[in-house]
């Protein structure tokens, strides 16, 4: 009996609360419904825009490839300049894969012109907006190439380290790690070079490279040779 009375008491309290606050409850519920509907609309619009941006960057990339491999390939041509302007505009408005791919195309154009400073900047932008895609570590590797072309060896090492430690695994990571050792050698930091070369053998052992790519054996062998060379100095 006591339990039954307690249940009735709780039920009465809930009913009284609903009656007294009916308008507020309806308003709060209405707000939640509007927010939920708005969220659905936002997702639909976002998905539509993402698909549109992906289709557009595919088209721009195809155009770049045609100009790049055409019979009269010229990185300074009027067509290439026009494409560069369109890529700049597109890259400024997009992030994720489409934005990162646009910046990588821009970087390729500047590399073709041997404008390594602008190429480096574009690769870094590609890495930044594509940090959550597989393009991130690729862009960092290429940024290191552009930095090395400017003799910015320490910066190149920094980019390669970020490439190797990226959340998306870089398929050519052993090569990037080997290049860290090579650049340290050029900088005269032989202890750091040794450590970098040893990391190639430790982080990508023979068994792992066998499962992933035969090409990794090349960097293991080169790293082993450099370790012997440095230890005999």
Protein backbone atom coordinates (compact mmCIF):
# COMPACT_ATOMS: atom_id res chain seq x y z
CA UNK A 1 0.00 0.00 0.00
CA UNK A 2 2.77 2.42 0.90
CA UNK A 3 4.56 1.72 -2.38
CA UNK A 4 1.33 2.29 -4.33
CA UNK A 5 0.72 5.60 -2.56
CA UNK A 6 4.32 6.66 -3.23
CA UNK A 7 3.90 5.92 -6.96
CA UNK A 8 0.66 7.89 -7.06
CA UNK A 9 2.35 10.76 -5.27
CA UNK A 10 5.20 10.89 -7.80
CA UNK A 11 2.72 10.64 -10.68
CA UNK A 12 0.68 13.54 -9.27
CA UNK A 13 3.78 15.67 -8.88
CA UNK A 14 4.79 15.03 -12.49
CA UNK A 15 1.30 15.87 -13.74
CA UNK A 16 1.24 19.07 -11.68
CA UNK A 17 4.67 20.07 -13.00
CA UNK A 18 3.58 19.47 -16.62
CA UNK A 19 0.36 21.47 -16.14
CA UNK A 20 2.18 24.40 -14.55
CA UNK A 21 5.01 24.48 -17.10
CA UNK A 22 3.17 23.30 -20.19
CA UNK A 23 4.01 26.36 -22.31
CA UNK A 24 7.69 26.28 -21.38
CA UNK A 25 7.92 22.54 -22.11
CA UNK A 26 6.25 23.00 -25.52
CA UNK A 27 8.63 25.88 -26.34
CA UNK A 28 11.71 23.86 -25.31
CA UNK A 29 10.51 20.86 -27.33
CA UNK A 30 9.88 23.14 -30.31
CA UNK A 31 13.41 24.54 -30.06
CA UNK A 32 14.87 21.01 -30.01
CA UNK A 33 12.80 20.07 -33.07
CA UNK A 34 14.02 23.16 -34.94
CA UNK A 35 17.63 22.47 -33.96
CA UNK A 36 17.37 18.87 -35.09
CA UNK A 37 15.78 19.86 -38.39
CA UNK A 38 18.45 22.53 -38.88
CA UNK A 39 21.17 19.97 -38.22
CA UNK A 40 19.76 17.63 -40.84
CA UNK A 41 19.56 20.45 -43.39
CA UNK A 42 23.16 21.47 -42.58
CA UNK A 43 24.40 17.90 -43.11
CA UNK A 44 22.55 17.64 -46.43
CA UNK A 45 23.93 20.99 -47.67
CA UNK A 46 27.43 20.16 -46.43
CA UNK A 47 27.36 16.78 -48.19
CA UNK A 48 26.11 18.36 -51.39
CA UNK A 49 28.82 21.05 -51.29
CA UNK A 50 31.50 18.45 -50.55
CA UNK A 51 30.47 16.37 -53.57
CA UNK A 52 30.40 19.47 -55.75
CA UNK A 53 33.88 20.56 -54.56
CA UNK A 54 35.28 17.05 -55.16
CA UNK A 55 33.87 16.98 -58.70
CA UNK A 56 35.29 20.45 -59.38
CA UNK A 57 38.81 19.60 -58.14
CA UNK A 58 38.81 16.41 -60.23
CA UNK A 59 38.02 18.56 -63.27
CA UNK A 60 40.73 21.10 -62.39
CA UNK A 61 43.28 18.33 -61.83
CA UNK A 62 42.47 16.74 -65.19
CA UNK A 63 42.97 20.13 -66.82
CA UNK A 64 46.33 20.51 -65.09
CA UNK A 65 47.44 17.03 -66.19
CA UNK A 66 46.55 17.83 -69.82
CA UNK A 67 48.60 21.04 -69.70
CA UNK A 68 51.44 19.35 -67.84
CA UNK A 69 51.82 16.45 -70.25
CA UNK A 70 50.78 18.24 -73.42
CA UNK A 71 53.00 18.39 -76.49
CA UNK A 72 53.91 22.00 -75.73
CA UNK A 73 54.01 21.85 -71.93
CA UNK A 74 54.80 25.31 -70.61
CA UNK A 75 54.41 26.26 -66.95
CA UNK A 76 54.37 29.95 -67.94
CA UNK A 77 51.71 29.67 -70.67
CA UNK A 78 48.54 31.76 -70.63
CA UNK A 79 46.47 28.60 -70.09
CA UNK A 80 48.60 27.57 -67.10
CA UNK A 81 48.36 31.08 -65.62
CA UNK A 82 44.57 30.99 -66.01
CA UNK A 83 44.41 27.58 -64.37
CA UNK A 84 46.65 28.76 -61.53
CA UNK A 85 44.26 31.66 -60.86
CA UNK A 86 41.28 29.27 -60.74
CA UNK A 87 43.14 26.90 -58.43
CA UNK A 88 44.07 29.80 -56.12
CA UNK A 89 40.43 30.87 -55.91
CA UNK A 90 39.24 27.30 -55.31
CA UNK A 91 41.92 26.55 -52.68
CA UNK A 92 40.98 29.67 -50.75
CA UNK A 93 37.40 28.46 -50.37
CA UNK A 94 37.86 24.76 -49.64
CA UNK A 95 39.42 22.49 -47.04
CA UNK A 96 39.77 18.73 -46.65
CA UNK A 97 40.60 16.65 -49.71
CA UNK A 98 39.42 19.18 -52.35
CA UNK A 99 41.36 22.08 -50.80
CA UNK A 100 44.47 19.98 -50.21
CA UNK A 101 44.44 18.66 -53.78
CA UNK A 102 44.08 22.19 -55.14
CA UNK A 103 47.10 23.38 -53.12
CA UNK A 104 49.11 20.37 -54.32
CA UNK A 105 48.35 21.27 -57.95
CA UNK A 106 49.43 24.84 -57.23
CA UNK A 107 52.63 23.52 -55.66
CA UNK A 108 53.34 21.36 -58.71
CA UNK A 109 52.99 24.38 -60.98
CA UNK A 110 55.45 26.41 -58.89
CA UNK A 111 57.83 23.43 -58.79
CA UNK A 112 57.66 23.29 -62.58
CA UNK A 113 58.67 26.93 -62.58
CA UNK A 114 61.40 26.15 -60.01
CA UNK A 115 59.85 28.75 -57.73
CA UNK A 116 60.71 26.68 -54.69
CA UNK A 117 59.65 29.23 -52.06
CA UNK A 118 56.08 29.39 -53.38
CA UNK A 119 56.08 25.64 -53.95
CA UNK A 120 57.05 25.08 -50.31
CA UNK A 121 54.32 27.43 -49.12
CA UNK A 122 51.70 25.71 -51.28
CA UNK A 123 52.74 22.25 -50.06
CA UNK A 124 52.46 23.42 -46.46
CA UNK A 125 48.96 24.73 -47.17
CA UNK A 126 48.10 21.38 -48.73
CA UNK A 127 49.37 19.60 -45.61
CA UNK A 128 47.44 21.97 -43.33
CA UNK A 129 44.01 21.73 -44.96
CA UNK A 130 44.50 18.04 -45.76
CA UNK A 131 45.77 17.05 -42.31
CA UNK A 132 42.91 14.58 -41.90
CA UNK A 133 43.47 12.96 -45.30
CA UNK A 134 46.17 10.78 -46.86
CA UNK A 135 47.39 13.87 -48.74
CA UNK A 136 48.82 15.34 -45.50
CA UNK A 137 52.06 13.32 -45.26
CA UNK A 138 52.57 13.43 -49.04
CA UNK A 139 52.44 17.24 -48.95
CA UNK A 140 54.93 17.37 -46.06
CA UNK A 141 57.36 15.15 -47.97
CA UNK A 142 57.12 17.44 -50.99
CA UNK A 143 57.51 20.52 -48.79
CA UNK A 144 60.80 19.01 -47.62
CA UNK A 145 61.92 18.63 -51.25
CA UNK A 146 61.12 22.29 -51.93
CA UNK A 147 62.91 23.38 -48.75
CA UNK A 148 66.01 21.37 -49.67
CA UNK A 149 66.06 23.00 -53.10
CA UNK A 150 66.43 26.30 -51.22
CA UNK A 151 69.18 24.80 -49.04
CA UNK A 152 66.89 25.04 -46.00
CA UNK A 153 68.09 21.71 -44.71
CA UNK A 154 66.90 22.06 -41.12
CA UNK A 155 63.40 22.97 -42.32
CA UNK A 156 63.47 19.99 -44.66
CA UNK A 157 64.31 17.71 -41.71
CA UNK A 158 61.43 19.23 -39.73
CA UNK A 159 58.94 18.54 -42.54
CA UNK A 160 60.18 14.98 -42.99
CA UNK A 161 59.85 14.29 -39.26
CA UNK A 162 56.25 15.52 -39.39
CA UNK A 163 55.69 13.36 -42.47
CA UNK A 164 56.98 10.19 -40.77
CA UNK A 165 54.99 10.80 -37.57
CA UNK A 166 51.77 11.77 -39.37
CA UNK A 167 48.51 10.14 -38.27
CA UNK A 168 48.09 8.89 -41.85
CA UNK A 169 50.87 6.45 -42.70
CA UNK A 170 53.00 7.58 -45.64
CA UNK A 171 53.64 4.63 -48.01
CA UNK A 172 57.19 5.89 -48.65
CA UNK A 173 57.94 6.56 -44.97
CA UNK A 174 61.26 4.60 -44.96
CA UNK A 175 62.50 6.86 -47.74
CA UNK A 176 61.47 9.94 -45.74
CA UNK A 177 63.26 8.57 -42.67
CA UNK A 178 66.38 7.80 -44.72
CA UNK A 179 66.36 11.35 -46.08
CA UNK A 180 66.33 12.67 -42.50
CA UNK A 181 69.61 10.84 -41.96
CA UNK A 182 71.01 12.06 -45.27
CA UNK A 183 70.19 15.69 -44.44
CA UNK A 184 71.69 15.38 -40.97
CA UNK A 185 74.85 14.12 -42.62
CA UNK A 186 74.93 17.19 -44.84
CA UNK A 187 74.48 19.35 -41.74
CA UNK A 188 77.43 17.58 -40.10
CA UNK A 189 75.29 16.13 -37.30
CA UNK A 190 76.56 12.57 -37.59
CA UNK A 191 75.09 11.27 -34.31
CA UNK A 192 71.61 12.40 -35.38
CA UNK A 193 72.22 10.90 -38.83
CA UNK A 194 73.12 7.54 -37.27
CA UNK A 195 70.00 7.63 -35.14
CA UNK A 196 67.86 8.44 -38.18
CA UNK A 197 69.35 5.61 -40.25
CA UNK A 198 68.90 3.14 -37.40
CA UNK A 199 65.25 4.19 -37.17
CA UNK A 200 64.76 2.92 -40.74
CA UNK A 201 65.83 -0.57 -39.63
CA UNK A 202 63.95 -0.45 -36.32
CA UNK A 203 60.64 1.01 -37.50
CA UNK A 204 60.46 -0.87 -40.81
CA UNK A 205 61.98 -4.29 -40.15
CA UNK A 206 62.46 -6.74 -43.00
CA UNK A 207 59.30 -8.73 -42.17
CA UNK A 208 57.10 -5.64 -42.22
CA UNK A 209 58.57 -4.32 -45.46
CA UNK A 210 58.12 -7.76 -47.03
CA UNK A 211 54.41 -7.52 -46.32
CA UNK A 212 54.05 -3.92 -47.51
CA UNK A 213 56.48 -3.25 -50.36
CA UNK A 214 59.65 -4.72 -51.80
CA UNK A 215 60.79 -1.14 -52.46
CA UNK A 216 61.32 -0.68 -48.71
CA UNK A 217 64.27 -3.07 -48.87
CA UNK A 218 66.16 -0.45 -50.87
CA UNK A 219 66.03 2.06 -48.01
CA UNK A 220 66.93 -0.57 -45.44
CA UNK A 221 70.01 -1.56 -47.42
CA UNK A 222 71.03 2.06 -48.00
CA UNK A 223 70.52 2.87 -44.30
CA UNK A 224 72.62 -0.15 -43.31
CA UNK A 225 75.43 0.97 -45.62
CA UNK A 226 75.37 4.53 -44.23
CA UNK A 227 75.45 3.22 -40.65
CA UNK A 228 78.59 1.18 -41.43
CA UNK A 229 80.15 4.17 -43.18
CA UNK A 230 79.50 6.52 -40.25
CA UNK A 231 80.59 4.04 -37.59
CA UNK A 232 83.94 3.68 -39.39
CA UNK A 233 84.56 7.44 -39.52
